[in-house]
Amino acid sequence: MRCFALMGVLAGCQNPCQQLCVRMADYAEECAFTVSDADLDACIEAQSPPEDPAVCRDFGNAAQIREEWTCEDLGIYFQ
């Protein structure tokens, strides 16, 4: 987990969709993908304001992400 690197990012995440960006990046790194700070920043920026915060809030917890997404699925978004 990128605890120290993400501490500043997490402090700035105000909505559930921005938090989802961080959770997805953590999962992608567990799957051996590289997530650049620029990619994470772009995701967070794209979610301000969020498109649908209720969906992110309802379906964005780490366990649910792992149930719905495989590492192969993440390959579309992360290299």
Protein backbone atom coordinates (compact mmCIF):
# COMPACT_ATOMS: atom_id res chain seq x y z
CA MET A 1 0.00 0.00 0.00
CA ARG A 2 1.18 3.48 -0.76
CA CYS A 3 0.41 4.81 2.71
CA PHE A 4 2.91 7.62 2.88
CA ALA A 5 2.50 8.70 -0.71
CA LEU A 6 -1.26 8.69 -0.43
CA MET A 7 -1.59 10.43 2.90
CA GLY A 8 -1.70 13.81 1.16
CA VAL A 9 -4.04 12.52 -1.50
CA LEU A 10 -6.41 10.99 1.02
CA ALA A 11 -6.55 14.22 2.96
CA GLY A 12 -7.65 15.97 -0.24
CA CYS A 13 -10.28 13.39 -1.22
CA GLN A 14 -13.57 14.89 -0.33
CA ASN A 15 -16.03 12.70 -2.16
CA PRO A 16 -16.62 8.95 -2.50
CA CYS A 17 -15.62 8.87 -6.18
CA GLN A 18 -12.24 10.43 -5.44
CA GLN A 19 -11.75 7.86 -2.68
CA LEU A 20 -12.61 5.15 -5.20
CA CYS A 21 -9.69 6.35 -7.34
CA VAL A 22 -7.33 5.68 -4.43
CA ARG A 23 -8.84 2.26 -3.70
CA MET A 24 -8.61 1.22 -7.35
CA ALA A 25 -4.98 2.37 -7.51
CA ASP A 26 -4.14 0.35 -4.39
CA TYR A 27 -5.78 -2.73 -5.90
CA ALA A 28 -4.00 -2.19 -9.22
CA GLU A 29 -0.66 -2.12 -7.42
CA GLU A 30 -1.53 -5.38 -5.65
CA CYS A 31 -2.07 -6.78 -9.15
CA ALA A 32 1.47 -5.63 -10.10
CA PHE A 33 0.37 -2.66 -12.20
CA THR A 34 2.19 0.63 -11.93
CA VAL A 35 -0.01 3.57 -11.03
CA SER A 36 1.73 6.87 -11.50
CA ASP A 37 0.98 9.86 -9.35
CA ALA A 38 -0.13 11.63 -12.52
CA ASP A 39 -2.66 8.87 -13.29
CA LEU A 40 -4.03 8.98 -9.76
CA ASP A 41 -4.18 12.78 -9.81
CA ALA A 42 -6.04 12.68 -13.15
CA CYS A 43 -8.61 10.27 -11.75
CA ILE A 44 -9.15 12.40 -8.67
CA GLU A 45 -9.43 15.56 -10.76
CA ALA A 46 -11.94 13.90 -13.08
CA GLN A 47 -14.15 13.12 -10.07
CA SER A 48 -14.41 16.72 -8.91
CA PRO A 49 -17.34 17.18 -8.94
CA PRO A 50 -18.26 13.52 -8.97
CA GLU A 51 -20.44 12.12 -11.73
CA ASP A 52 -22.53 9.98 -9.38
CA PRO A 53 -21.31 9.97 -5.76
CA ALA A 54 -24.09 7.64 -4.62
CA VAL A 55 -22.81 4.86 -6.89
CA CYS A 56 -19.24 5.35 -5.69
CA ARG A 57 -20.40 5.36 -2.08
CA ASP A 58 -22.54 2.25 -2.52
CA PHE A 59 -20.13 0.19 -4.61
CA GLY A 60 -16.69 1.62 -3.88
CA ASN A 61 -15.48 -0.25 -0.82
CA ALA A 62 -12.30 -2.30 -1.18
CA ALA A 63 -13.97 -5.69 -0.70
CA GLN A 64 -16.62 -5.00 -3.30
CA ILE A 65 -14.03 -3.77 -5.79
CA ARG A 66 -12.16 -7.06 -5.44
CA GLU A 67 -15.41 -9.01 -5.91
CA GLU A 68 -16.38 -7.14 -9.07
CA TRP A 69 -12.97 -6.60 -10.69
CA THR A 70 -10.18 -9.00 -11.55
CA CYS A 71 -6.59 -7.99 -12.07
CA GLU A 72 -7.18 -8.64 -15.76
CA ASP A 73 -10.07 -6.15 -15.73
CA LEU A 74 -7.78 -3.50 -14.29
CA GLY A 75 -5.37 -3.96 -17.20
CA ILE A 76 -7.67 -1.80 -19.30
CA TYR A 77 -6.95 1.16 -17.06
CA PHE A 78 -3.49 0.48 -15.68
CA GLN A 79 -0.30 -0.74 -17.34
